[in-house]
Amino acid sequence: MNTYILIYEGFANFEVVIASLLLKNKGNCNIITIAVDSDPITSCEGFKYVPHKLLSDIDIDDIDVLLIPGGDPNELYDKGEVYDLIRRANKAQVIIGAICAAPIHLAKAGIIEDVKYTVSNDVKTHNDFNKGNYEDSNIVIDGNIITAKPTGYVDFGIEIGKMMSIYENEADLEETINFFKCFRD
């Protein structure tokens, strides 16, 4: 299985770290960072990244999960290849996870017109959203799409794991929740 994570200048790495850790360690997923070009990228936390692949080199059939972390949405607004990838992933029924401000890209790609979603408060009034489908929740799952507020990053990772059936059983899921949410081992 392959998890592709879209990285771009100023993206919020922390929002997808737990999801990628769970998918890699429990789901044996390959974690592949993708970007529009090969330039080094600095996350909002100050870490430097070089993407594994460029969007132009992606075969949609290789993607099981597409994660889009938050950050400044303006960084991607003029990147048509991002919206094309999102549309192709949705058509292929790839699990698409968008957190914080990233659901704006799903809206701009036109894939959540009839989908329930959540998004960070500072962008929820953006004109591209169908405001009638907004839910004021940390996590919203509708079909193959999961959206989350930035405060829902732990639940985001756990729920994506459920969608990908990475937990061996209920005890395994409960152990994961206890460790990451309740800080109990």
Foldseek 3Di string as FASTA:
>chain_A
DEEEEEDFAAFAPLLCPLLVVCCCPLVVYHYFYEYQDQDWHAYVVGDIDGGPYYLVPDDLVVAQEYEYGDGPCVRCPVPVSLLVSLVSNVVVQRQYEYEAARVVSVLVSPNPAPPAEEYHPVCLVPPSHPNVRYDPDQWDDGRSYIYGYSVCSLVSSLVVCVVSVSAPDPVSSVVSCCCRPVVDD
